[in-house]
Amino acid sequence: MEVEVKIRLPSKIHYEKVSSIFKEQLKAQWLATELQENFFFDSENDLLRIESFDRIEESKESKRKNFAALKGNAIIADGISRTEEFECEIDNMLTNMIINDPSKIASEEANRHLIIAELLKRFPSIRSNSESLRILGSFKNTRERFEWDGLKVELDETKYDFGDAFEIEIECQEPEKVHAKLSNLLSNNNVEFCNSKRNKFANMLFRSIL
């Protein structure tokens, strides 16, 4: 189970102000910048997410990484998201193969990877309906990663084809306490914010930002 605090920021100006608070005021440790592309594939009701990104760390070198994830039963309430998640890293060759031809998800080559094997195990109908697999949608995301008081903070700027969204995410074990801590920080610095009401995938699907 992935548990995250998710706070929505209303604009780029507020996003930049929060970034400045972490970098300059709090002197939070910068961990990395990720330039992400997220692709979602489905066959009727079956859903797979593949995330491909360049990670720029302290060495300033860019490293390409790819992850495939199964996520389900997402619940977001009061700025706290709880989602069932199964995720693992996959290689560039498989990532490109699936993006170029989604039906390859059902191939024997793809099945050698843990996440794809799990997908086919959970949804065996994909094998017989592989030609119906398609890219449901995609979006780009720039993620700044910080460490603040033992918490891993992710500051996201997400670009959809219908608009941009700005969000703070913190994966944690005590979300209510972390939500209160983050809300106090933003309020004390006169930063407008609200609780996120949908995840990035749902925003993409409904073509609006909540």
C-alpha atoms as a PDB file:
ATOM      1  CA  MET A   1       0.000   0.000   0.000  1.00  0.00           C
ATOM      2  CA  GLU A   2       1.402   3.393  -1.050  1.00  0.00           C
ATOM      3  CA  VAL A   3       0.343   6.227   1.275  1.00  0.00           C
ATOM      4  CA  GLU A   4       1.027   9.823   0.250  1.00  0.00           C
ATOM      5  CA  VAL A   5       0.175  13.343   1.297  1.00  0.00           C
ATOM      6  CA  LYS A   6      -0.902  15.231  -1.832  1.00  0.00           C
ATOM      7  CA  ILE A   7      -1.238  19.020  -1.808  1.00  0.00           C
ATOM      8  CA  ARG A   8      -2.333  21.040  -4.861  1.00  0.00           C
ATOM      9  CA  LEU A   9      -0.728  24.418  -5.629  1.00  0.00           C
ATOM     10  CA  PRO A  10      -2.751  26.859  -7.748  1.00  0.00           C
ATOM     11  CA  SER A  11      -0.066  28.183 -10.110  1.00  0.00           C
ATOM     12  CA  LYS A  12       3.528  28.216 -11.297  1.00  0.00           C
ATOM     13  CA  ILE A  13       4.172  31.227  -9.055  1.00  0.00           C
ATOM     14  CA  HIS A  14       3.186  29.232  -5.967  1.00  0.00           C
ATOM     15  CA  TYR A  15       5.213  26.249  -7.176  1.00  0.00           C
ATOM     16  CA  GLU A  16       8.326  28.411  -7.518  1.00  0.00           C
ATOM     17  CA  LYS A  17       7.716  29.977  -4.102  1.00  0.00           C
ATOM     18  CA  VAL A  18       7.530  26.530  -2.472  1.00  0.00           C
ATOM     19  CA  SER A  19      10.696  25.459  -4.293  1.00  0.00           C
ATOM     20  CA  SER A  20      12.446  28.551  -2.934  1.00  0.00           C
ATOM     21  CA  ILE A  21      11.225  27.815   0.609  1.00  0.00           C
ATOM     22  CA  PHE A  22      12.746  24.334   0.542  1.00  0.00           C
ATOM     23  CA  LYS A  23      15.988  25.404  -1.144  1.00  0.00           C
ATOM     24  CA  GLU A  24      16.730  28.723   0.536  1.00  0.00           C
ATOM     25  CA  GLN A  25      14.711  29.037   3.735  1.00  0.00           C
ATOM     26  CA  LEU A  26      14.738  25.436   4.976  1.00  0.00           C
ATOM     27  CA  LYS A  27      18.042  24.476   3.333  1.00  0.00           C
ATOM     28  CA  ALA A  28      16.462  21.118   2.502  1.00  0.00           C
ATOM     29  CA  GLN A  29      18.789  18.644   0.849  1.00  0.00           C
ATOM     30  CA  TRP A  30      18.173  18.489  -2.895  1.00  0.00           C
ATOM     31  CA  LEU A  31      18.214  14.858  -4.007  1.00  0.00           C
ATOM     32  CA  ALA A  32      17.436  14.868  -7.725  1.00  0.00           C
ATOM     33  CA  THR A  33      15.453  16.306 -10.608  1.00  0.00           C
ATOM     34  CA  GLU A  34      13.428  13.858 -12.693  1.00  0.00           C
ATOM     35  CA  LEU A  35      12.130  14.613 -16.185  1.00  0.00           C
ATOM     36  CA  GLN A  36       9.361  12.042 -16.482  1.00  0.00           C
ATOM     37  CA  GLU A  37       7.046  10.716 -19.167  1.00  0.00           C
ATOM     38  CA  ASN A  38       4.136   8.590 -17.996  1.00  0.00           C
ATOM     39  CA  PHE A  39       2.266   6.273 -20.358  1.00  0.00           C
ATOM     40  CA  PHE A  40      -0.916   4.369 -19.507  1.00  0.00           C
ATOM     41  CA  PHE A  41      -1.994   1.237 -21.363  1.00  0.00           C
ATOM     42  CA  ASP A  42      -5.272  -0.607 -21.180  1.00  0.00           C
ATOM     43  CA  SER A  43      -7.298  -3.426 -22.646  1.00  0.00           C
ATOM     44  CA  GLU A  44     -10.902  -2.827 -21.644  1.00  0.00           C
ATOM     45  CA  ASN A  45     -10.519  -2.517 -17.822  1.00  0.00           C
ATOM     46  CA  ASP A  46      -6.899  -3.683 -17.444  1.00  0.00           C
ATOM     47  CA  LEU A  47      -4.418  -0.890 -16.725  1.00  0.00           C
ATOM     48  CA  LEU A  48      -0.627  -0.641 -16.704  1.00  0.00           C
ATOM     49  CA  ARG A  49       1.499   2.461 -16.159  1.00  0.00           C
ATOM     50  CA  ILE A  50       5.020   2.823 -17.557  1.00  0.00           C
ATOM     51  CA  GLU A  51       7.126   5.724 -16.335  1.00  0.00           C
ATOM     52  CA  SER A  52      10.300   6.674 -18.183  1.00  0.00           C
ATOM     53  CA  PHE A  53      12.508   9.433 -16.824  1.00  0.00           C
ATOM     54  CA  ASP A  54      15.917  11.048 -16.808  1.00  0.00           C
ATOM     55  CA  ARG A  55      17.194  11.484 -13.237  1.00  0.00           C
ATOM     56  CA  ILE A  56      19.725  14.244 -12.598  1.00  0.00           C
ATOM     57  CA  GLU A  57      21.472  13.807  -9.248  1.00  0.00           C
ATOM     58  CA  GLU A  58      24.275  15.589  -7.408  1.00  0.00           C
ATOM     59  CA  SER A  59      26.863  14.489  -9.981  1.00  0.00           C
ATOM     60  CA  LYS A  60      24.783  16.416 -12.580  1.00  0.00           C
ATOM     61  CA  GLU A  61      24.859  13.328 -14.802  1.00  0.00           C
ATOM     62  CA  SER A  62      21.577  12.264 -16.372  1.00  0.00           C
ATOM     63  CA  LYS A  63      20.539   8.640 -15.830  1.00  0.00           C
ATOM     64  CA  ARG A  64      17.691   7.059 -17.786  1.00  0.00           C
ATOM     65  CA  LYS A  65      15.394   4.814 -15.751  1.00  0.00           C
ATOM     66  CA  ASN A  66      12.098   3.100 -16.517  1.00  0.00           C
ATOM     67  CA  PHE A  67       9.498   1.671 -14.161  1.00  0.00           C
ATOM     68  CA  ALA A  68       6.322  -0.299 -14.789  1.00  0.00           C
ATOM     69  CA  ALA A  69       3.575  -0.209 -12.184  1.00  0.00           C
ATOM     70  CA  LEU A  70       0.223  -1.761 -11.453  1.00  0.00           C
ATOM     71  CA  LYS A  71      -1.924   0.524  -9.340  1.00  0.00           C
ATOM     72  CA  GLY A  72      -5.461   0.017  -8.162  1.00  0.00           C
ATOM     73  CA  ASN A  73      -8.168   0.903  -5.639  1.00  0.00           C
ATOM     74  CA  ALA A  74      -6.926   4.473  -5.267  1.00  0.00           C
ATOM     75  CA  ILE A  75      -8.647   6.458  -2.516  1.00  0.00           C
ATOM     76  CA  ILE A  76      -7.937  10.161  -1.940  1.00  0.00           C
ATOM     77  CA  ALA A  77      -9.511  11.963   1.002  1.00  0.00           C
ATOM     78  CA  ASP A  78      -8.438  15.067   2.939  1.00  0.00           C
ATOM     79  CA  GLY A  79      -5.218  15.349   0.955  1.00  0.00           C
ATOM     80  CA  ILE A  80      -4.120  11.773   1.698  1.00  0.00           C
ATOM     81  CA  SER A  81      -3.884   9.126  -1.023  1.00  0.00           C
ATOM     82  CA  ARG A  82      -3.916   5.379  -0.388  1.00  0.00           C
ATOM     83  CA  THR A  83      -3.215   3.162  -3.375  1.00  0.00           C
ATOM     84  CA  GLU A  84      -2.420  -0.493  -3.926  1.00  0.00           C
ATOM     85  CA  GLU A  85       0.847  -0.564  -5.886  1.00  0.00           C
ATOM     86  CA  PHE A  86       3.167  -3.105  -7.450  1.00  0.00           C
ATOM     87  CA  GLU A  87       6.178  -1.572  -9.199  1.00  0.00           C
ATOM     88  CA  CYS A  88       9.546  -2.631 -10.595  1.00  0.00           C
ATOM     89  CA  GLU A  89      12.245  -1.330 -12.915  1.00  0.00           C
ATOM     90  CA  ILE A  90      12.311  -2.424 -16.566  1.00  0.00           C
ATOM     91  CA  ASP A  91      14.939  -1.853 -19.243  1.00  0.00           C
ATOM     92  CA  ASN A  92      14.985   0.708 -22.047  1.00  0.00           C
ATOM     93  CA  MET A  93      14.527  -1.855 -24.810  1.00  0.00           C
ATOM     94  CA  LEU A  94      11.323  -3.271 -23.329  1.00  0.00           C
ATOM     95  CA  THR A  95      10.012   0.220 -22.521  1.00  0.00           C
ATOM     96  CA  ASN A  96      10.477   1.406 -26.107  1.00  0.00           C
ATOM     97  CA  MET A  97       9.044  -1.830 -27.510  1.00  0.00           C
ATOM     98  CA  ILE A  98       5.806  -1.498 -25.511  1.00  0.00           C
ATOM     99  CA  ILE A  99       5.397   2.232 -26.196  1.00  0.00           C
ATOM    100  CA  ASN A 100       5.833   1.645 -29.941  1.00  0.00           C
ATOM    101  CA  ASP A 101       3.558  -1.418 -29.970  1.00  0.00           C
ATOM    102  CA  PRO A 102       1.344  -1.948 -26.867  1.00  0.00           C
ATOM    103  CA  SER A 103       0.413  -5.469 -28.021  1.00  0.00           C
ATOM    104  CA  LYS A 104       3.999  -6.495 -27.119  1.00  0.00           C
ATOM    105  CA  ILE A 105       2.930  -6.448 -23.448  1.00  0.00           C
ATOM    106  CA  ALA A 106       1.642  -9.982 -24.117  1.00  0.00           C
ATOM    107  CA  SER A 107       4.874 -11.175 -25.761  1.00  0.00           C
ATOM    108  CA  GLU A 108       7.140 -13.846 -24.264  1.00  0.00           C
ATOM    109  CA  GLU A 109       9.992 -11.329 -24.100  1.00  0.00           C
ATOM    110  CA  ALA A 110       7.930  -8.942 -21.988  1.00  0.00           C
ATOM    111  CA  ASN A 111       6.724 -11.810 -19.798  1.00  0.00           C
ATOM    112  CA  ARG A 112      10.300 -12.339 -18.536  1.00  0.00           C
ATOM    113  CA  HIS A 113       9.920  -9.122 -16.527  1.00  0.00           C
ATOM    114  CA  LEU A 114       8.355  -9.377 -13.076  1.00  0.00           C
ATOM    115  CA  ILE A 115       5.759  -6.620 -13.482  1.00  0.00           C
ATOM    116  CA  ILE A 116       4.537  -7.874 -16.868  1.00  0.00           C
ATOM    117  CA  ALA A 117       4.376 -11.450 -15.618  1.00  0.00           C
ATOM    118  CA  GLU A 118       2.293 -10.241 -12.654  1.00  0.00           C
ATOM    119  CA  LEU A 119       0.006  -8.272 -14.984  1.00  0.00           C
ATOM    120  CA  LEU A 120      -0.589 -11.329 -17.183  1.00  0.00           C
ATOM    121  CA  LYS A 121      -1.148 -13.487 -14.100  1.00  0.00           C
ATOM    122  CA  ARG A 122      -3.780 -11.104 -12.736  1.00  0.00           C
ATOM    123  CA  PHE A 123      -5.402 -10.494 -16.119  1.00  0.00           C
ATOM    124  CA  PRO A 124      -4.885 -13.595 -18.298  1.00  0.00           C
ATOM    125  CA  SER A 125      -7.377 -12.256 -20.864  1.00  0.00           C
ATOM    126  CA  ILE A 126      -4.675  -9.826 -22.028  1.00  0.00           C
ATOM    127  CA  ARG A 127      -2.897 -12.703 -23.785  1.00  0.00           C
ATOM    128  CA  SER A 128      -5.899 -13.502 -25.960  1.00  0.00           C
ATOM    129  CA  ASN A 129      -6.815  -9.843 -26.492  1.00  0.00           C
ATOM    130  CA  SER A 130      -3.352  -8.357 -26.962  1.00  0.00           C
ATOM    131  CA  GLU A 131      -4.353  -6.597 -30.173  1.00  0.00           C
ATOM    132  CA  SER A 132      -6.846  -4.494 -28.204  1.00  0.00           C
ATOM    133  CA  LEU A 133      -4.089  -3.042 -25.999  1.00  0.00           C
ATOM    134  CA  ARG A 134      -3.637   0.669 -26.552  1.00  0.00           C
ATOM    135  CA  ILE A 135      -2.090   3.770 -25.059  1.00  0.00           C
ATOM    136  CA  LEU A 136      -4.877   5.275 -22.999  1.00  0.00           C
ATOM    137  CA  GLY A 137      -3.020   8.524 -22.429  1.00  0.00           C
ATOM    138  CA  SER A 138       0.222  10.162 -21.303  1.00  0.00           C
ATOM    139  CA  PHE A 139       1.637  13.232 -19.626  1.00  0.00           C
ATOM    140  CA  LYS A 140       5.006  14.763 -18.756  1.00  0.00           C
ATOM    141  CA  ASN A 141       6.145  15.627 -15.249  1.00  0.00           C
ATOM    142  CA  THR A 142       9.133  17.496 -13.836  1.00  0.00           C
ATOM    143  CA  ARG A 143       9.859  16.359 -10.278  1.00  0.00           C
ATOM    144  CA  GLU A 144      12.172  18.048  -7.775  1.00  0.00           C
ATOM    145  CA  ARG A 145      13.089  15.719  -4.909  1.00  0.00           C
ATOM    146  CA  PHE A 146      14.150  17.030  -1.471  1.00  0.00           C
ATOM    147  CA  GLU A 147      14.803  15.591   1.968  1.00  0.00           C
ATOM    148  CA  TRP A 148      13.205  17.662   4.730  1.00  0.00           C
ATOM    149  CA  ASP A 149      13.169  16.607   8.393  1.00  0.00           C
ATOM    150  CA  GLY A 150      13.555  12.978   7.397  1.00  0.00           C
ATOM    151  CA  LEU A 151      10.773  13.190   4.792  1.00  0.00           C
ATOM    152  CA  LYS A 152      11.180  12.683   1.044  1.00  0.00           C
ATOM    153  CA  VAL A 153       9.389  15.621  -0.569  1.00  0.00           C
ATOM    154  CA  GLU A 154       8.427  15.576  -4.251  1.00  0.00           C
ATOM    155  CA  LEU A 155       7.545  18.868  -5.941  1.00  0.00           C
ATOM    156  CA  ASP A 156       5.781  18.191  -9.254  1.00  0.00           C
ATOM    157  CA  GLU A 157       5.013  20.280 -12.334  1.00  0.00           C
ATOM    158  CA  THR A 158       2.781  18.171 -14.577  1.00  0.00           C
ATOM    159  CA  LYS A 159       2.067  19.050 -18.198  1.00  0.00           C
ATOM    160  CA  TYR A 160      -1.105  17.711 -19.801  1.00  0.00           C
ATOM    161  CA  ASP A 161      -2.292  18.596 -23.290  1.00  0.00           C
ATOM    162  CA  PHE A 162      -5.131  20.576 -21.637  1.00  0.00           C
ATOM    163  CA  GLY A 163      -3.129  22.459 -18.963  1.00  0.00           C
ATOM    164  CA  ASP A 164      -0.489  22.358 -16.232  1.00  0.00           C
ATOM    165  CA  ALA A 165      -0.777  21.180 -12.627  1.00  0.00           C
ATOM    166  CA  PHE A 166       1.426  21.785  -9.576  1.00  0.00           C
ATOM    167  CA  GLU A 167       1.571  19.498  -6.563  1.00  0.00           C
ATOM    168  CA  ILE A 168       3.540  18.486  -3.470  1.00  0.00           C
ATOM    169  CA  GLU A 169       3.700  14.776  -2.650  1.00  0.00           C
ATOM    170  CA  ILE A 170       5.204  13.091   0.413  1.00  0.00           C
ATOM    171  CA  GLU A 171       5.108   9.319   0.820  1.00  0.00           C
ATOM    172  CA  CYS A 172       5.037   8.547   4.553  1.00  0.00           C
ATOM    173  CA  GLN A 173       3.831   6.276   7.331  1.00  0.00           C
ATOM    174  CA  GLU A 174       1.999   8.931   9.376  1.00  0.00           C
ATOM    175  CA  PRO A 175       0.121  10.946   6.748  1.00  0.00           C
ATOM    176  CA  GLU A 176      -2.118  12.913   9.120  1.00  0.00           C
ATOM    177  CA  LYS A 177       0.885  14.274  11.042  1.00  0.00           C
ATOM    178  CA  VAL A 178       2.821  15.018   7.861  1.00  0.00           C
ATOM    179  CA  HIS A 179      -0.205  16.717   6.286  1.00  0.00           C
ATOM    180  CA  ALA A 180      -0.527  18.995   9.324  1.00  0.00           C
ATOM    181  CA  LYS A 181       3.215  19.744   9.304  1.00  0.00           C
ATOM    182  CA  LEU A 182       3.221  20.628   5.598  1.00  0.00           C
ATOM    183  CA  SER A 183       0.005  22.667   5.866  1.00  0.00           C
ATOM    184  CA  ASN A 184       1.499  24.715   8.710  1.00  0.00           C
ATOM    185  CA  LEU A 185       4.651  25.348   6.697  1.00  0.00           C
ATOM    186  CA  LEU A 186       2.676  26.606   3.696  1.00  0.00           C
ATOM    187  CA  SER A 187       0.270  28.700   5.765  1.00  0.00           C
ATOM    188  CA  ASN A 188       3.082  30.334   7.743  1.00  0.00           C
ATOM    189  CA  ASN A 189       4.703  31.343   4.449  1.00  0.00           C
ATOM    190  CA  ASN A 190       1.469  32.675   2.908  1.00  0.00           C
ATOM    191  CA  VAL A 191       1.334  30.003   0.205  1.00  0.00           C
ATOM    192  CA  GLU A 192      -2.104  29.239  -1.191  1.00  0.00           C
ATOM    193  CA  PHE A 193      -2.876  25.528  -1.413  1.00  0.00           C
ATOM    194  CA  CYS A 194      -5.621  22.931  -1.216  1.00  0.00           C
ATOM    195  CA  ASN A 195      -5.914  19.179  -0.882  1.00  0.00           C
ATOM    196  CA  SER A 196      -5.552  17.230  -4.114  1.00  0.00           C
ATOM    197  CA  LYS A 197      -8.855  15.537  -4.938  1.00  0.00           C
ATOM    198  CA  ARG A 198      -7.648  13.311  -7.785  1.00  0.00           C
ATOM    199  CA  ASN A 199      -4.408  11.651  -8.787  1.00  0.00           C
ATOM    200  CA  LYS A 200      -2.511  12.482 -11.971  1.00  0.00           C
ATOM    201  CA  PHE A 201      -4.011   9.609 -13.916  1.00  0.00           C
ATOM    202  CA  ALA A 202      -7.585  10.657 -13.066  1.00  0.00           C
ATOM    203  CA  ASN A 203      -6.817  14.255 -14.054  1.00  0.00           C
ATOM    204  CA  MET A 204      -5.535  12.985 -17.410  1.00  0.00           C
ATOM    205  CA  LEU A 205      -8.587  10.765 -17.889  1.00  0.00           C
ATOM    206  CA  PHE A 206     -11.164  13.457 -17.054  1.00  0.00           C
ATOM    207  CA  ARG A 207      -9.138  16.241 -18.708  1.00  0.00           C
ATOM    208  CA  SER A 208      -9.416  18.562 -15.722  1.00  0.00           C
ATOM    209  CA  ILE A 209      -7.355  19.250 -12.601  1.00  0.00           C
ATOM    210  CA  LEU A 210      -8.690  18.686  -9.105  1.00  0.00           C
END
